[in-house]
Amino acid sequence: MSETLPITEARAKFGSLVRRTAHARERITITDHGQPAAVFINPSELAELEERVLELEEQLAVSRYRSEKEAGTFVGVPHDEVGKLLGLEGE
């Protein structure tokens, strides 16, 4: 379930909106001058979404690597350069 409220109304209902988000997993959009300004989302749901984004980014990276390797256009980064990029130089 989702609800949209102007910031003035959300301010008056802040506590109940937070509880609804936490317990009912509702997403509540807060608007400022009619434009979306913030969204209340359950922390567990946010963690799930962030994890899914990471999974999709990994899948995309692997897909790009395979496509570039197959096309002969893949350019790797030398091991010592990776160390420098990660700040591991001299370790």
PDB file of N, CA and C in Angstrom:
ATOM      1  N   MET A   1       0.841  -1.173   0.000  1.00  0.00           N
ATOM      2  CA  MET A   1       0.000   0.000   0.000  1.00  0.00           C
ATOM      3  C   MET A   1       0.890   1.241   0.000  1.00  0.00           C
ATOM      4  N   SER A   2       0.435   2.281  -0.608  1.00  0.00           N
ATOM      5  CA  SER A   2       1.206   3.503  -0.718  1.00  0.00           C
ATOM      6  C   SER A   2       0.288   4.699  -0.506  1.00  0.00           C
ATOM      7  N   GLU A   3       0.857   5.735   0.083  1.00  0.00           N
ATOM      8  CA  GLU A   3       0.088   6.952   0.326  1.00  0.00           C
ATOM      9  C   GLU A   3       0.987   8.145   0.036  1.00  0.00           C
ATOM     10  N   THR A   4       0.391   9.233  -0.394  1.00  0.00           N
ATOM     11  CA  THR A   4       1.123  10.469  -0.648  1.00  0.00           C
ATOM     12  C   THR A   4       0.502  11.581   0.181  1.00  0.00           C
ATOM     13  N   LEU A   5       1.362  12.302   0.902  1.00  0.00           N
ATOM     14  CA  LEU A   5       0.893  13.379   1.773  1.00  0.00           C
ATOM     15  C   LEU A   5       1.759  14.620   1.589  1.00  0.00           C
ATOM     16  N   PRO A   6       1.149  15.803   1.709  1.00  0.00           N
ATOM     17  CA  PRO A   6       1.962  17.018   1.711  1.00  0.00           C
ATOM     18  C   PRO A   6       2.757  17.100   3.015  1.00  0.00           C
ATOM     19  N   ILE A   7       3.868  17.784   2.968  1.00  0.00           N
ATOM     20  CA  ILE A   7       4.760  17.862   4.123  1.00  0.00           C
ATOM     21  C   ILE A   7       4.063  18.413   5.365  1.00  0.00           C
ATOM     22  N   THR A   8       3.151  19.349   5.196  1.00  0.00           N
ATOM     23  CA  THR A   8       2.447  19.924   6.352  1.00  0.00           C
ATOM     24  C   THR A   8       1.586  18.880   7.054  1.00  0.00           C
ATOM     25  N   GLU A   9       0.920  18.039   6.289  1.00  0.00           N
ATOM     26  CA  GLU A   9       0.099  16.975   6.880  1.00  0.00           C
ATOM     27  C   GLU A   9       0.983  15.891   7.481  1.00  0.00           C
ATOM     28  N   ALA A  10       2.071  15.564   6.805  1.00  0.00           N
ATOM     29  CA  ALA A  10       2.991  14.538   7.305  1.00  0.00           C
ATOM     30  C   ALA A  10       3.606  14.965   8.634  1.00  0.00           C
ATOM     31  N   ARG A  11       3.908  16.238   8.768  1.00  0.00           N
ATOM     32  CA  ARG A  11       4.489  16.753  10.012  1.00  0.00           C
ATOM     33  C   ARG A  11       3.541  16.485  11.181  1.00  0.00           C
ATOM     34  N   ALA A  12       2.265  16.696  10.970  1.00  0.00           N
ATOM     35  CA  ALA A  12       1.272  16.502  12.030  1.00  0.00           C
ATOM     36  C   ALA A  12       1.062  15.028  12.360  1.00  0.00           C
ATOM     37  N   LYS A  13       1.331  14.143  11.398  1.00  0.00           N
ATOM     38  CA  LYS A  13       1.090  12.707  11.577  1.00  0.00           C
ATOM     39  C   LYS A  13       2.388  11.907  11.646  1.00  0.00           C
ATOM     40  N   PHE A  14       3.509  12.574  11.890  1.00  0.00           N
ATOM     41  CA  PHE A  14       4.821  11.943  11.772  1.00  0.00           C
ATOM     42  C   PHE A  14       4.921  10.603  12.504  1.00  0.00           C
ATOM     43  N   GLY A  15       4.559  10.576  13.775  1.00  0.00           N
ATOM     44  CA  GLY A  15       4.676   9.351  14.566  1.00  0.00           C
ATOM     45  C   GLY A  15       3.888   8.195  13.978  1.00  0.00           C
ATOM     46  N   SER A  16       2.651   8.442  13.604  1.00  0.00           N
ATOM     47  CA  SER A  16       1.829   7.355  13.054  1.00  0.00           C
ATOM     48  C   SER A  16       2.344   6.916  11.687  1.00  0.00           C
ATOM     49  N   LEU A  17       2.876   7.847  10.907  1.00  0.00           N
ATOM     50  CA  LEU A  17       3.434   7.476   9.596  1.00  0.00           C
ATOM     51  C   LEU A  17       4.651   6.570   9.761  1.00  0.00           C
ATOM     52  N   VAL A  18       5.499   6.902  10.726  1.00  0.00           N
ATOM     53  CA  VAL A  18       6.679   6.073  10.984  1.00  0.00           C
ATOM     54  C   VAL A  18       6.253   4.682  11.435  1.00  0.00           C
ATOM     55  N   ARG A  19       5.290   4.598  12.338  1.00  0.00           N
ATOM     56  CA  ARG A  19       4.825   3.291  12.811  1.00  0.00           C
ATOM     57  C   ARG A  19       4.193   2.478  11.683  1.00  0.00           C
ATOM     58  N   ARG A  20       3.406   3.133  10.831  1.00  0.00           N
ATOM     59  CA  ARG A  20       2.791   2.424   9.700  1.00  0.00           C
ATOM     60  C   ARG A  20       3.865   1.890   8.760  1.00  0.00           C
ATOM     61  N   THR A  21       4.874   2.688   8.535  1.00  0.00           N
ATOM     62  CA  THR A  21       5.966   2.253   7.663  1.00  0.00           C
ATOM     63  C   THR A  21       6.692   1.066   8.279  1.00  0.00           C
ATOM     64  N   ALA A  22       6.942   1.141   9.568  1.00  0.00           N
ATOM     65  CA  ALA A  22       7.687   0.090  10.253  1.00  0.00           C
ATOM     66  C   ALA A  22       6.910  -1.216  10.354  1.00  0.00           C
ATOM     67  N   HIS A  23       5.629  -1.130  10.652  1.00  0.00           N
ATOM     68  CA  HIS A  23       4.868  -2.341  10.946  1.00  0.00           C
ATOM     69  C   HIS A  23       4.047  -2.867   9.775  1.00  0.00           C
ATOM     70  N   ALA A  24       3.562  -2.002   8.934  1.00  0.00           N
ATOM     71  CA  ALA A  24       2.709  -2.446   7.825  1.00  0.00           C
ATOM     72  C   ALA A  24       3.454  -2.460   6.493  1.00  0.00           C
ATOM     73  N   ARG A  25       4.733  -2.077   6.530  1.00  0.00           N
ATOM     74  CA  ARG A  25       5.568  -2.033   5.318  1.00  0.00           C
ATOM     75  C   ARG A  25       4.944  -1.158   4.233  1.00  0.00           C
ATOM     76  N   GLU A  26       4.291  -0.097   4.669  1.00  0.00           N
ATOM     77  CA  GLU A  26       3.731   0.865   3.717  1.00  0.00           C
ATOM     78  C   GLU A  26       4.837   1.796   3.242  1.00  0.00           C
ATOM     79  N   ARG A  27       4.716   2.256   2.017  1.00  0.00           N
ATOM     80  CA  ARG A  27       5.588   3.319   1.508  1.00  0.00           C
ATOM     81  C   ARG A  27       4.762   4.590   1.511  1.00  0.00           C
ATOM     82  N   ILE A  28       5.328   5.615   2.092  1.00  0.00           N
ATOM     83  CA  ILE A  28       4.610   6.880   2.191  1.00  0.00           C
ATOM     84  C   ILE A  28       5.463   7.968   1.550  1.00  0.00           C
ATOM     85  N   THR A  29       4.909   8.610   0.540  1.00  0.00           N
ATOM     86  CA  THR A  29       5.605   9.684  -0.165  1.00  0.00           C
ATOM     87  C   THR A  29       5.194  11.018   0.435  1.00  0.00           C
ATOM     88  N   ILE A  30       6.191  11.832   0.731  1.00  0.00           N
ATOM     89  CA  ILE A  30       5.964  13.170   1.273  1.00  0.00           C
ATOM     90  C   ILE A  30       6.253  14.173   0.158  1.00  0.00           C
ATOM     91  N   THR A  31       5.302  15.082  -0.058  1.00  0.00           N
ATOM     92  CA  THR A  31       5.493  16.074  -1.116  1.00  0.00           C
ATOM     93  C   THR A  31       5.768  17.450  -0.517  1.00  0.00           C
ATOM     94  N   ASP A  32       6.491  18.245  -1.275  1.00  0.00           N
ATOM     95  CA  ASP A  32       6.765  19.634  -0.920  1.00  0.00           C
ATOM     96  C   ASP A  32       6.379  20.474  -2.130  1.00  0.00           C
ATOM     97  N   HIS A  33       5.390  21.311  -1.965  1.00  0.00           N
ATOM     98  CA  HIS A  33       4.846  22.109  -3.074  1.00  0.00           C
ATOM     99  C   HIS A  33       4.387  21.207  -4.226  1.00  0.00           C
ATOM    100  N   GLY A  34       3.784  20.065  -3.853  1.00  0.00           N
ATOM    101  CA  GLY A  34       3.217  19.161  -4.844  1.00  0.00           C
ATOM    102  C   GLY A  34       4.193  18.211  -5.509  1.00  0.00           C
ATOM    103  N   GLN A  35       5.476  18.336  -5.195  1.00  0.00           N
ATOM    104  CA  GLN A  35       6.491  17.471  -5.805  1.00  0.00           C
ATOM    105  C   GLN A  35       7.003  16.467  -4.776  1.00  0.00           C
ATOM    106  N   PRO A  36       7.213  15.195  -5.156  1.00  0.00           N
ATOM    107  CA  PRO A  36       7.771  14.224  -4.215  1.00  0.00           C
ATOM    108  C   PRO A  36       9.104  14.726  -3.655  1.00  0.00           C
ATOM    109  N   ALA A  37       9.222  14.688  -2.327  1.00  0.00           N
ATOM    110  CA  ALA A  37      10.436  15.176  -1.675  1.00  0.00           C
ATOM    111  C   ALA A  37      11.129  14.090  -0.858  1.00  0.00           C
ATOM    112  N   ALA A  38      10.361  13.120  -0.365  1.00  0.00           N
ATOM    113  CA  ALA A  38      10.923  12.049   0.454  1.00  0.00           C
ATOM    114  C   ALA A  38       9.957  10.875   0.451  1.00  0.00           C
ATOM    115  N   VAL A  39      10.507   9.703   0.776  1.00  0.00           N
ATOM    116  CA  VAL A  39       9.673   8.506   0.875  1.00  0.00           C
ATOM    117  C   VAL A  39      10.038   7.778   2.156  1.00  0.00           C
ATOM    118  N   PHE A  40       9.031   7.452   2.956  1.00  0.00           N
ATOM    119  CA  PHE A  40       9.231   6.600   4.124  1.00  0.00           C
ATOM    120  C   PHE A  40       9.140   5.164   3.627  1.00  0.00           C
ATOM    121  N   ILE A  41      10.140   4.358   3.982  1.00  0.00           N
ATOM    122  CA  ILE A  41      10.159   2.956   3.576  1.00  0.00           C
ATOM    123  C   ILE A  41      10.696   2.133   4.741  1.00  0.00           C
ATOM    124  N   ASN A  42      10.153   0.959   4.922  1.00  0.00           N
ATOM    125  CA  ASN A  42      10.568   0.061   5.979  1.00  0.00           C
ATOM    126  C   ASN A  42      12.050  -0.282   5.795  1.00  0.00           C
ATOM    127  N   PRO A  43      12.862  -0.253   6.870  1.00  0.00           N
ATOM    128  CA  PRO A  43      14.288  -0.543   6.740  1.00  0.00           C
ATOM    129  C   PRO A  43      14.587  -1.913   6.140  1.00  0.00           C
ATOM    130  N   SER A  44      13.783  -2.912   6.462  1.00  0.00           N
ATOM    131  CA  SER A  44      13.996  -4.248   5.889  1.00  0.00           C
ATOM    132  C   SER A  44      13.762  -4.239   4.388  1.00  0.00           C
ATOM    133  N   GLU A  45      12.725  -3.529   3.970  1.00  0.00           N
ATOM    134  CA  GLU A  45      12.430  -3.436   2.546  1.00  0.00           C
ATOM    135  C   GLU A  45      13.546  -2.689   1.818  1.00  0.00           C
ATOM    136  N   LEU A  46      14.065  -1.641   2.438  1.00  0.00           N
ATOM    137  CA  LEU A  46      15.180  -0.902   1.845  1.00  0.00           C
ATOM    138  C   LEU A  46      16.396  -1.810   1.692  1.00  0.00           C
ATOM    139  N   ALA A  47      16.701  -2.586   2.723  1.00  0.00           N
ATOM    140  CA  ALA A  47      17.840  -3.508   2.656  1.00  0.00           C
ATOM    141  C   ALA A  47      17.650  -4.522   1.531  1.00  0.00           C
ATOM    142  N   GLU A  48      16.434  -5.040   1.379  1.00  0.00           N
ATOM    143  CA  GLU A  48      16.142  -5.986   0.295  1.00  0.00           C
ATOM    144  C   GLU A  48      16.337  -5.335  -1.072  1.00  0.00           C
ATOM    145  N   LEU A  49      15.871  -4.110  -1.217  1.00  0.00           N
ATOM    146  CA  LEU A  49      16.025  -3.397  -2.489  1.00  0.00           C
ATOM    147  C   LEU A  49      17.494  -3.135  -2.796  1.00  0.00           C
ATOM    148  N   GLU A  50      18.256  -2.718  -1.776  1.00  0.00           N
ATOM    149  CA  GLU A  50      19.681  -2.458  -1.981  1.00  0.00           C
ATOM    150  C   GLU A  50      20.426  -3.735  -2.359  1.00  0.00           C
ATOM    151  N   GLU A  51      20.070  -4.846  -1.724  1.00  0.00           N
ATOM    152  CA  GLU A  51      20.694  -6.126  -2.050  1.00  0.00           C
ATOM    153  C   GLU A  51      20.375  -6.529  -3.491  1.00  0.00           C
ATOM    154  N   ARG A  52      19.149  -6.327  -3.895  1.00  0.00           N
ATOM    155  CA  ARG A  52      18.742  -6.667  -5.269  1.00  0.00           C
ATOM    156  C   ARG A  52      19.485  -5.807  -6.283  1.00  0.00           C
ATOM    157  N   VAL A  53      19.667  -4.533  -5.976  1.00  0.00           N
ATOM    158  CA  VAL A  53      20.424  -3.648  -6.872  1.00  0.00           C
ATOM    159  C   VAL A  53      21.850  -4.163  -7.028  1.00  0.00           C
ATOM    160  N   LEU A  54      22.484  -4.568  -5.921  1.00  0.00           N
ATOM    161  CA  LEU A  54      23.844  -5.107  -6.005  1.00  0.00           C
ATOM    162  C   LEU A  54      23.890  -6.363  -6.869  1.00  0.00           C
ATOM    163  N   GLU A  55      22.909  -7.245  -6.697  1.00  0.00           N
ATOM    164  CA  GLU A  55      22.847  -8.460  -7.512  1.00  0.00           C
ATOM    165  C   GLU A  55      22.741  -8.118  -8.994  1.00  0.00           C
ATOM    166  N   LEU A  56      21.884  -7.171  -9.322  1.00  0.00           N
ATOM    167  CA  LEU A  56      21.703  -6.775 -10.725  1.00  0.00           C
ATOM    168  C   LEU A  56      22.957  -6.109 -11.284  1.00  0.00           C
ATOM    169  N   GLU A  57      23.640  -5.296 -10.466  1.00  0.00           N
ATOM    170  CA  GLU A  57      24.887  -4.671 -10.915  1.00  0.00           C
ATOM    171  C   GLU A  57      25.940  -5.730 -11.210  1.00  0.00           C
ATOM    172  N   GLU A  58      26.030  -6.758 -10.350  1.00  0.00           N
ATOM    173  CA  GLU A  58      26.984  -7.844 -10.567  1.00  0.00           C
ATOM    174  C   GLU A  58      26.649  -8.603 -11.849  1.00  0.00           C
ATOM    175  N   GLN A  59      25.371  -8.897 -12.056  1.00  0.00           N
ATOM    176  CA  GLN A  59      24.960  -9.597 -13.277  1.00  0.00           C
ATOM    177  C   GLN A  59      25.292  -8.778 -14.513  1.00  0.00           C
ATOM    178  N   LEU A  60      25.083  -7.484 -14.449  1.00  0.00           N
ATOM    179  CA  LEU A  60      25.392  -6.607 -15.571  1.00  0.00           C
ATOM    180  C   LEU A  60      26.889  -6.581 -15.843  1.00  0.00           C
ATOM    181  N   ALA A  61      27.701  -6.505 -14.794  1.00  0.00           N
ATOM    182  CA  ALA A  61      29.157  -6.491 -14.965  1.00  0.00           C
ATOM    183  C   ALA A  61      29.640  -7.785 -15.616  1.00  0.00           C
ATOM    184  N   VAL A  62      29.119  -8.911 -15.176  1.00  0.00           N
ATOM    185  CA  VAL A  62      29.509 -10.201 -15.756  1.00  0.00           C
ATOM    186  C   VAL A  62      29.071 -10.275 -17.212  1.00  0.00           C
ATOM    187  N   SER A  63      27.873  -9.818 -17.495  1.00  0.00           N
ATOM    188  CA  SER A  63      27.368  -9.826 -18.870  1.00  0.00           C
ATOM    189  C   SER A  63      28.225  -8.953 -19.776  1.00  0.00           C
ATOM    190  N   ARG A  64      28.587  -7.770 -19.299  1.00  0.00           N
ATOM    191  CA  ARG A  64      29.447  -6.879 -20.095  1.00  0.00           C
ATOM    192  C   ARG A  64      30.813  -7.512 -20.334  1.00  0.00           C
ATOM    193  N   TYR A  65      31.378  -8.104 -19.279  1.00  0.00           N
ATOM    194  CA  TYR A  65      32.678  -8.766 -19.407  1.00  0.00           C
ATOM    195  C   TYR A  65      32.620  -9.858 -20.473  1.00  0.00           C
ATOM    196  N   ARG A  66      31.595 -10.695 -20.394  1.00  0.00           N
ATOM    197  CA  ARG A  66      31.473 -11.794 -21.362  1.00  0.00           C
ATOM    198  C   ARG A  66      31.303 -11.265 -22.783  1.00  0.00           C
ATOM    199  N   SER A  67      30.495 -10.233 -22.940  1.00  0.00           N
ATOM    200  CA  SER A  67      30.281  -9.647 -24.272  1.00  0.00           C
ATOM    201  C   SER A  67      31.571  -9.061 -24.825  1.00  0.00           C
ATOM    202  N   GLU A  68      32.301  -8.319 -23.996  1.00  0.00           N
ATOM    203  CA  GLU A  68      33.555  -7.713 -24.440  1.00  0.00           C
ATOM    204  C   GLU A  68      34.605  -8.781 -24.741  1.00  0.00           C
ATOM    205  N   LYS A  69      34.655  -9.810 -23.906  1.00  0.00           N
ATOM    206  CA  LYS A  69      35.631 -10.882 -24.129  1.00  0.00           C
ATOM    207  C   LYS A  69      35.322 -11.599 -25.437  1.00  0.00           C
ATOM    208  N   GLU A  70      34.048 -11.888 -25.674  1.00  0.00           N
ATOM    209  CA  GLU A  70      33.634 -12.558 -26.904  1.00  0.00           C
ATOM    210  C   GLU A  70      33.932 -11.698 -28.130  1.00  0.00           C
ATOM    211  N   ALA A  71      33.759 -10.387 -28.004  1.00  0.00           N
ATOM    212  CA  ALA A  71      34.000  -9.476 -29.124  1.00  0.00           C
ATOM    213  C   ALA A  71      35.481  -9.130 -29.276  1.00  0.00           C
ATOM    214  N   GLY A  72      36.289  -9.548 -28.305  1.00  0.00           N
ATOM    215  CA  GLY A  72      37.712  -9.241 -28.362  1.00  0.00           C
ATOM    216  C   GLY A  72      38.027  -7.802 -27.992  1.00  0.00           C
ATOM    217  N   THR A  73      37.121  -7.151 -27.287  1.00  0.00           N
ATOM    218  CA  THR A  73      37.335  -5.748 -26.926  1.00  0.00           C
ATOM    219  C   THR A  73      37.606  -5.554 -25.437  1.00  0.00           C
ATOM    220  N   PHE A  74      37.705  -6.646 -24.685  1.00  0.00           N
ATOM    221  CA  PHE A  74      37.939  -6.531 -23.247  1.00  0.00           C
ATOM    222  C   PHE A  74      39.360  -6.057 -22.982  1.00  0.00           C
ATOM    223  N   VAL A  75      39.474  -5.035 -22.139  1.00  0.00           N
ATOM    224  CA  VAL A  75      40.779  -4.530 -21.732  1.00  0.00           C
ATOM    225  C   VAL A  75      40.864  -4.664 -20.218  1.00  0.00           C
ATOM    226  N   GLY A  76      41.756  -5.518 -19.762  1.00  0.00           N
ATOM    227  CA  GLY A  76      41.917  -5.729 -18.330  1.00  0.00           C
ATOM    228  C   GLY A  76      42.794  -4.667 -17.698  1.00  0.00           C
ATOM    229  N   VAL A  77      42.867  -4.702 -16.376  1.00  0.00           N
ATOM    230  CA  VAL A  77      43.720  -3.787 -15.624  1.00  0.00           C
ATOM    231  C   VAL A  77      44.825  -4.626 -14.997  1.00  0.00           C
ATOM    232  N   PRO A  78      46.092  -4.258 -15.237  1.00  0.00           N
ATOM    233  CA  PRO A  78      47.203  -5.024 -14.660  1.00  0.00           C
ATOM    234  C   PRO A  78      47.118  -5.071 -13.131  1.00  0.00           C
ATOM    235  N   HIS A  79      47.598  -6.165 -12.565  1.00  0.00           N
ATOM    236  CA  HIS A  79      47.517  -6.413 -11.127  1.00  0.00           C
ATOM    237  C   HIS A  79      48.105  -5.264 -10.312  1.00  0.00           C
ATOM    238  N   ASP A  80      49.289  -4.775 -10.695  1.00  0.00           N
ATOM    239  CA  ASP A  80      49.918  -3.703  -9.923  1.00  0.00           C
ATOM    240  C   ASP A  80      49.103  -2.408  -9.986  1.00  0.00           C
ATOM    241  N   GLU A  81      48.434  -2.178 -11.102  1.00  0.00           N
ATOM    242  CA  GLU A  81      47.590  -0.987 -11.234  1.00  0.00           C
ATOM    243  C   GLU A  81      46.365  -1.094 -10.318  1.00  0.00           C
ATOM    244  N   VAL A  82      45.812  -2.290 -10.200  1.00  0.00           N
ATOM    245  CA  VAL A  82      44.685  -2.503  -9.284  1.00  0.00           C
ATOM    246  C   VAL A  82      45.119  -2.189  -7.859  1.00  0.00           C
ATOM    247  N   GLY A  83      46.312  -2.656  -7.488  1.00  0.00           N
ATOM    248  CA  GLY A  83      46.841  -2.364  -6.152  1.00  0.00           C
ATOM    249  C   GLY A  83      46.955  -0.879  -5.893  1.00  0.00           C
ATOM    250  N   LYS A  84      47.439  -0.142  -6.886  1.00  0.00           N
ATOM    251  CA  LYS A  84      47.556   1.315  -6.743  1.00  0.00           C
ATOM    252  C   LYS A  84      46.175   1.953  -6.594  1.00  0.00           C
ATOM    253  N   LEU A  85      45.231   1.510  -7.417  1.00  0.00           N
ATOM    254  CA  LEU A  85      43.878   2.062  -7.355  1.00  0.00           C
ATOM    255  C   LEU A  85      43.215   1.813  -5.999  1.00  0.00           C
ATOM    256  N   LEU A  86      43.565   0.684  -5.390  1.00  0.00           N
ATOM    257  CA  LEU A  86      42.981   0.330  -4.093  1.00  0.00           C
ATOM    258  C   LEU A  86      43.798   0.850  -2.918  1.00  0.00           C
ATOM    259  N   GLY A  87      44.888   1.544  -3.223  1.00  0.00           N
ATOM    260  CA  GLY A  87      45.727   2.083  -2.153  1.00  0.00           C
ATOM    261  C   GLY A  87      46.563   1.032  -1.468  1.00  0.00           C
ATOM    262  N   LEU A  88      46.872  -0.056  -2.166  1.00  0.00           N
ATOM    263  CA  LEU A  88      47.643  -1.153  -1.589  1.00  0.00           C
ATOM    264  C   LEU A  88      49.105  -1.117  -2.016  1.00  0.00           C
ATOM    265  N   GLU A  89      49.513  -0.043  -2.595  1.00  0.00           N
ATOM    266  CA  GLU A  89      50.873   0.100  -3.090  1.00  0.00           C
ATOM    267  C   GLU A  89      51.858  -0.028  -1.929  1.00  0.00           C
ATOM    268  N   GLY A  90      52.852  -0.902  -2.120  1.00  0.00           N
ATOM    269  CA  GLY A  90      53.909  -1.063  -1.133  1.00  0.00           C
ATOM    270  C   GLY A  90      53.578  -2.038  -0.020  1.00  0.00           C
ATOM    271  N   GLU A  91      52.436  -2.688  -0.077  1.00  0.00           N
ATOM    272  CA  GLU A  91      52.079  -3.661   0.967  1.00  0.00           C
ATOM    273  C   GLU A  91      52.443  -5.051   0.535  1.00  0.00           C
TER     274      GLU A  91
END
